[in-house]
Amino acid sequence: MAFPSGLIFVIDLIAIFAIYLAIALSLNLEFGYAGIPNFGKVLVVAGGAFVVGFFPGRIAVGLLGVRSGLDYIAYNRLIIADVNSVLATNLGLSLTLLFGTLIIAGIIGAVLGFVASYPAIRLREDYLAMMLLAVGRTSEL
């Protein structure tokens, strides 16, 4: 089933908007209501975004065995087209893949947050803010 390009654009726009909305709401909750600035959120969000971009296709190829002999990076369009055609007919597997990826991303984000905060938790407020700014800036590069 082919979707019109305008509908695909709207769906992509809503997905990106929802991601930024979740990040903005969490920052508003932390700084707006609690008064706690959180400069280190960029590292955790970047780690979760990497996991969500990296794992689902590779996990689906491993589970489904679709074109498993090809290089995933070089033949990405062919592999993902085949994976999408299989997942379009199997709602249960699609939802399992989605929620499994979100759980893996949450675990990786928690580990990154712990690794970034554990050595600096005993620092004074000023040094903690500087360290979190540096970690956040490093993850953007």
Protein backbone atom coordinates (compact mmCIF):
# COMPACT_ATOMS: atom_id res chain seq x y z
CA MET A 1 0.00 0.00 0.00
CA ALA A 2 1.53 3.30 -1.08
CA PHE A 3 0.91 6.45 0.91
CA PRO A 4 0.82 9.88 -0.71
CA SER A 5 3.96 11.91 -0.10
CA GLY A 6 1.98 14.59 1.74
CA LEU A 7 0.71 12.05 4.27
CA ILE A 8 4.21 10.64 4.80
CA PHE A 9 5.47 14.17 5.44
CA VAL A 10 2.73 14.82 8.02
CA ILE A 11 3.42 11.52 9.79
CA ASP A 12 7.16 12.26 9.93
CA LEU A 13 6.47 15.78 11.17
CA ILE A 14 4.19 14.49 13.94
CA ALA A 15 6.81 11.92 14.99
CA ILE A 16 9.59 14.52 15.20
CA PHE A 17 7.25 16.93 17.01
CA ALA A 18 6.32 14.24 19.54
CA ILE A 19 9.98 13.51 20.30
CA TYR A 20 10.81 17.17 20.89
CA LEU A 21 7.61 17.59 22.88
CA ALA A 22 8.62 14.78 25.25
CA ILE A 23 12.08 16.32 25.74
CA ALA A 24 10.66 19.83 26.26
CA LEU A 25 8.06 18.60 28.75
CA SER A 26 10.65 16.75 30.79
CA LEU A 27 12.90 19.82 30.86
CA ASN A 28 9.92 21.98 31.83
CA LEU A 29 9.11 19.61 34.66
CA GLU A 30 12.70 19.61 35.92
CA PHE A 31 13.58 23.28 35.56
CA GLY A 32 10.21 25.01 35.37
CA TYR A 33 8.56 23.37 38.36
CA ALA A 34 11.43 21.98 40.42
CA GLY A 35 14.01 24.66 39.61
CA ILE A 36 16.71 22.10 38.84
CA PRO A 37 18.66 22.87 35.63
CA ASN A 38 19.58 19.74 33.73
CA PHE A 39 22.37 20.30 31.24
CA GLY A 40 23.21 16.63 30.85
CA LYS A 41 19.98 15.56 29.16
CA VAL A 42 21.56 15.90 25.72
CA LEU A 43 23.85 12.91 26.31
CA VAL A 44 20.99 10.66 27.35
CA VAL A 45 18.72 11.77 24.48
CA ALA A 46 21.55 11.33 21.96
CA GLY A 47 22.28 7.83 23.31
CA GLY A 48 18.62 6.84 23.08
CA ALA A 49 18.33 8.29 19.58
CA PHE A 50 21.37 6.31 18.46
CA VAL A 51 19.88 3.10 19.82
CA VAL A 52 16.51 3.74 18.14
CA GLY A 53 18.26 4.43 14.85
CA PHE A 54 20.68 1.51 15.11
CA PHE A 55 18.87 -1.50 16.54
CA PRO A 56 15.39 -2.02 15.01
CA GLY A 57 16.47 -2.76 11.44
CA ARG A 58 19.29 -5.03 12.50
CA ILE A 59 17.11 -6.89 15.00
CA ALA A 60 14.36 -7.32 12.38
CA VAL A 61 16.86 -8.65 9.83
CA GLY A 62 18.15 -11.12 12.42
CA LEU A 63 14.67 -12.26 13.43
CA LEU A 64 13.21 -12.48 9.95
CA GLY A 65 16.30 -13.65 8.09
CA VAL A 66 15.55 -11.21 5.27
CA ARG A 67 18.58 -10.80 2.98
CA SER A 68 20.83 -11.70 5.89
CA GLY A 69 23.84 -12.31 3.63
CA LEU A 70 24.01 -8.70 2.41
CA ASP A 71 25.96 -5.86 3.99
CA TYR A 72 23.43 -3.87 6.04
CA ILE A 73 24.98 -0.47 5.34
CA ALA A 74 25.59 -0.91 1.60
CA TYR A 75 22.18 -2.43 0.82
CA ASN A 76 20.13 -0.59 3.41
CA ARG A 77 17.28 0.41 1.09
CA LEU A 78 16.74 -3.11 -0.21
CA ILE A 79 16.91 -4.71 3.23
CA ILE A 80 14.61 -2.18 4.89
CA ALA A 81 12.09 -2.43 2.03
CA ASP A 82 11.91 -6.20 2.54
CA VAL A 83 11.68 -5.83 6.32
CA ASN A 84 8.89 -3.25 5.96
CA SER A 85 6.93 -5.54 3.65
CA VAL A 86 7.10 -8.34 6.23
CA LEU A 87 6.30 -6.06 9.18
CA ALA A 88 3.33 -4.53 7.34
CA THR A 89 1.56 -7.88 7.51
CA ASN A 90 2.57 -8.77 11.09
CA LEU A 91 1.29 -6.24 13.65
CA GLY A 92 2.39 -8.26 16.68
CA LEU A 93 5.99 -8.47 15.54
CA SER A 94 5.98 -4.76 14.65
CA LEU A 95 4.76 -3.75 18.11
CA THR A 96 7.18 -6.13 19.81
CA LEU A 97 10.04 -4.64 17.82
CA LEU A 98 8.92 -1.10 18.68
CA PHE A 99 8.54 -1.67 22.41
CA GLY A 100 11.68 -3.79 22.60
CA THR A 101 13.67 -1.01 20.97
CA LEU A 102 12.20 1.55 23.36
CA ILE A 103 13.13 -0.61 26.33
CA ILE A 104 16.70 -1.04 25.04
CA ALA A 105 16.92 2.74 24.43
CA GLY A 106 15.70 3.44 27.97
CA ILE A 107 18.27 1.07 29.46
CA ILE A 108 21.10 2.59 27.39
CA GLY A 109 19.95 6.10 28.36
CA ALA A 110 19.89 5.13 32.04
CA VAL A 111 23.38 3.64 31.82
CA LEU A 112 24.71 6.75 30.06
CA GLY A 113 23.09 8.99 32.67
CA PHE A 114 24.60 6.95 35.48
CA VAL A 115 28.06 6.94 33.88
CA ALA A 116 27.92 10.71 33.32
CA SER A 117 26.63 11.58 36.79
CA TYR A 118 28.37 9.07 39.07
CA PRO A 119 31.85 10.66 39.07
CA ALA A 120 30.46 14.20 39.30
CA ILE A 121 27.75 13.71 41.91
CA ARG A 122 30.11 14.73 44.73
CA LEU A 123 31.10 17.97 42.99
CA ARG A 124 29.81 21.39 43.94
CA GLU A 125 26.95 22.83 41.91
CA ASP A 126 29.18 24.98 39.69
CA TYR A 127 31.53 22.16 38.74
CA LEU A 128 28.64 19.76 38.22
CA ALA A 129 27.01 22.21 35.81
CA MET A 130 30.30 22.64 33.92
CA MET A 131 30.80 18.89 33.68
CA LEU A 132 27.25 18.31 32.43
CA LEU A 133 27.61 21.09 29.86
CA ALA A 134 30.85 19.52 28.63
CA VAL A 135 29.27 16.05 28.42
CA GLY A 136 26.28 17.47 26.56
CA ARG A 137 28.46 19.39 24.14
CA THR A 138 30.69 16.37 23.52
CA SER A 139 27.70 14.17 22.64
CA GLU A 140 26.60 16.67 19.97
CA LEU A 141 29.86 16.31 18.09
